[in-house]
């Protein structure tokens, strides 16, 4: 059941246009640091509206990919903000 849900979330993410990790591999480290800082600023703003914001170490980086895709639809996060929050959560693991 959990595996099926994860696959659904991955396919949903692809359909809503959230770029995958291969897209971020081309970013400079300065851009990654900027996105990390922006994600750290946005993380409590979006996540704590509905529940306790989870620390980045709570899940593995690959798990955050699926979680942020689901939360993007739930919280109506813009793609740019979702990428920044994901960069923060994955980078703080």
C-alpha atoms as a PDB file:
ATOM      1  CA  UNK A   1       0.000   0.000   0.000  1.00  0.00           C
ATOM      2  CA  UNK A   2       2.773   2.443   0.960  1.00  0.00           C
ATOM      3  CA  UNK A   3       4.736   1.631  -2.186  1.00  0.00           C
ATOM      4  CA  UNK A   4       1.668   2.265  -4.324  1.00  0.00           C
ATOM      5  CA  UNK A   5       1.118   5.622  -2.618  1.00  0.00           C
ATOM      6  CA  UNK A   6       4.741   6.595  -3.237  1.00  0.00           C
ATOM      7  CA  UNK A   7       4.409   5.766  -6.931  1.00  0.00           C
ATOM      8  CA  UNK A   8       1.245   7.837  -7.154  1.00  0.00           C
ATOM      9  CA  UNK A   9       3.036  10.772  -5.535  1.00  0.00           C
ATOM     10  CA  UNK A  10       5.990  10.480  -7.911  1.00  0.00           C
ATOM     11  CA  UNK A  11       3.736  10.416 -10.964  1.00  0.00           C
ATOM     12  CA  UNK A  12       1.747  13.337  -9.561  1.00  0.00           C
ATOM     13  CA  UNK A  13       4.960  15.306  -9.098  1.00  0.00           C
ATOM     14  CA  UNK A  14       5.961  14.694 -12.662  1.00  0.00           C
ATOM     15  CA  UNK A  15       2.585  15.892 -13.859  1.00  0.00           C
ATOM     16  CA  UNK A  16       2.674  19.122 -11.808  1.00  0.00           C
ATOM     17  CA  UNK A  17       6.091  20.077 -13.074  1.00  0.00           C
ATOM     18  CA  UNK A  18       8.336  19.865 -10.033  1.00  0.00           C
ATOM     19  CA  UNK A  19      11.789  19.238 -11.487  1.00  0.00           C
ATOM     20  CA  UNK A  20      13.696  16.221 -10.278  1.00  0.00           C
ATOM     21  CA  UNK A  21      17.194  16.017  -8.813  1.00  0.00           C
ATOM     22  CA  UNK A  22      18.864  15.800 -12.245  1.00  0.00           C
ATOM     23  CA  UNK A  23      17.670  19.343 -12.927  1.00  0.00           C
ATOM     24  CA  UNK A  24      19.301  20.606  -9.721  1.00  0.00           C
ATOM     25  CA  UNK A  25      22.609  18.906 -10.465  1.00  0.00           C
ATOM     26  CA  UNK A  26      23.457  21.711 -12.885  1.00  0.00           C
ATOM     27  CA  UNK A  27      22.970  24.448 -10.315  1.00  0.00           C
ATOM     28  CA  UNK A  28      26.013  26.129  -8.882  1.00  0.00           C
ATOM     29  CA  UNK A  29      26.853  25.657  -5.253  1.00  0.00           C
ATOM     30  CA  UNK A  30      26.147  29.366  -4.715  1.00  0.00           C
ATOM     31  CA  UNK A  31      22.641  28.865  -6.123  1.00  0.00           C
ATOM     32  CA  UNK A  32      22.176  25.793  -3.928  1.00  0.00           C
ATOM     33  CA  UNK A  33      23.210  27.781  -0.862  1.00  0.00           C
ATOM     34  CA  UNK A  34      20.805  30.570  -1.815  1.00  0.00           C
ATOM     35  CA  UNK A  35      17.971  28.074  -2.249  1.00  0.00           C
ATOM     36  CA  UNK A  36      18.882  26.405   1.064  1.00  0.00           C
ATOM     37  CA  UNK A  37      18.626  29.758   2.865  1.00  0.00           C
ATOM     38  CA  UNK A  38      15.350  30.592   1.115  1.00  0.00           C
ATOM     39  CA  UNK A  39      13.999  27.138   2.004  1.00  0.00           C
ATOM     40  CA  UNK A  40      14.985  27.630   5.647  1.00  0.00           C
ATOM     41  CA  UNK A  41      13.012  30.878   5.639  1.00  0.00           C
ATOM     42  CA  UNK A  42       9.951  29.381   3.900  1.00  0.00           C
ATOM     43  CA  UNK A  43       9.885  26.026   5.707  1.00  0.00           C
ATOM     44  CA  UNK A  44       8.229  27.245   8.935  1.00  0.00           C
ATOM     45  CA  UNK A  45       5.941  29.614   7.012  1.00  0.00           C
ATOM     46  CA  UNK A  46       4.334  26.897   4.893  1.00  0.00           C
ATOM     47  CA  UNK A  47       4.707  23.779   7.024  1.00  0.00           C
ATOM     48  CA  UNK A  48       3.661  25.094  10.417  1.00  0.00           C
ATOM     49  CA  UNK A  49       0.356  26.424   9.090  1.00  0.00           C
ATOM     50  CA  UNK A  50      -1.165  22.923   9.271  1.00  0.00           C
ATOM     51  CA  UNK A  51       1.140  20.845  11.482  1.00  0.00           C
ATOM     52  CA  UNK A  52       4.421  20.874  13.353  1.00  0.00           C
ATOM     53  CA  UNK A  53       7.179  21.482  10.855  1.00  0.00           C
ATOM     54  CA  UNK A  54       9.316  18.349  10.545  1.00  0.00           C
ATOM     55  CA  UNK A  55      13.099  18.580  10.861  1.00  0.00           C
ATOM     56  CA  UNK A  56      15.071  17.622   7.764  1.00  0.00           C
ATOM     57  CA  UNK A  57      16.665  14.722   9.606  1.00  0.00           C
ATOM     58  CA  UNK A  58      13.303  13.024  10.201  1.00  0.00           C
ATOM     59  CA  UNK A  59      13.215  11.530   6.695  1.00  0.00           C
ATOM     60  CA  UNK A  60      15.799  10.435   4.147  1.00  0.00           C
ATOM     61  CA  UNK A  61      16.422  12.826   1.210  1.00  0.00           C
ATOM     62  CA  UNK A  62      14.578  10.562  -1.234  1.00  0.00           C
ATOM     63  CA  UNK A  63      11.562  10.518   1.104  1.00  0.00           C
ATOM     64  CA  UNK A  64      11.446  14.307   1.167  1.00  0.00           C
ATOM     65  CA  UNK A  65      11.055  14.271  -2.630  1.00  0.00           C
ATOM     66  CA  UNK A  66       7.725  12.447  -2.359  1.00  0.00           C
ATOM     67  CA  UNK A  67       6.612  14.356   0.735  1.00  0.00           C
ATOM     68  CA  UNK A  68       7.221  17.800  -0.751  1.00  0.00           C
ATOM     69  CA  UNK A  69       5.344  16.824  -3.902  1.00  0.00           C
ATOM     70  CA  UNK A  70       2.340  15.834  -1.834  1.00  0.00           C
ATOM     71  CA  UNK A  71       2.600  18.888   0.393  1.00  0.00           C
ATOM     72  CA  UNK A  72       2.958  21.159  -2.627  1.00  0.00           C
ATOM     73  CA  UNK A  73      -0.574  20.268  -3.684  1.00  0.00           C
ATOM     74  CA  UNK A  74      -1.934  20.372  -0.118  1.00  0.00           C
ATOM     75  CA  UNK A  75      -0.401  23.748   0.771  1.00  0.00           C
ATOM     76  CA  UNK A  76      -0.598  25.208  -2.743  1.00  0.00           C
ATOM     77  CA  UNK A  77       3.137  25.962  -2.761  1.00  0.00           C
ATOM     78  CA  UNK A  78       4.525  27.649  -5.868  1.00  0.00           C
ATOM     79  CA  UNK A  79       7.122  25.495  -7.654  1.00  0.00           C
ATOM     80  CA  UNK A  80       9.973  27.876  -6.792  1.00  0.00           C
ATOM     81  CA  UNK A  81       9.118  27.784  -3.083  1.00  0.00           C
ATOM     82  CA  UNK A  82       8.690  24.006  -3.131  1.00  0.00           C
ATOM     83  CA  UNK A  83      12.156  23.584  -4.662  1.00  0.00           C
ATOM     84  CA  UNK A  84      13.670  25.869  -2.013  1.00  0.00           C
ATOM     85  CA  UNK A  85      11.979  24.032   0.875  1.00  0.00           C
ATOM     86  CA  UNK A  86      13.052  20.711  -0.612  1.00  0.00           C
ATOM     87  CA  UNK A  87      16.646  21.928  -0.941  1.00  0.00           C
ATOM     88  CA  UNK A  88      16.567  22.946   2.717  1.00  0.00           C
ATOM     89  CA  UNK A  89      15.036  19.691   3.962  1.00  0.00           C
ATOM     90  CA  UNK A  90      17.329  17.484   1.888  1.00  0.00           C
ATOM     91  CA  UNK A  91      20.372  19.563   2.794  1.00  0.00           C
ATOM     92  CA  UNK A  92      19.674  19.509   6.519  1.00  0.00           C
ATOM     93  CA  UNK A  93      19.574  15.717   6.671  1.00  0.00           C
END
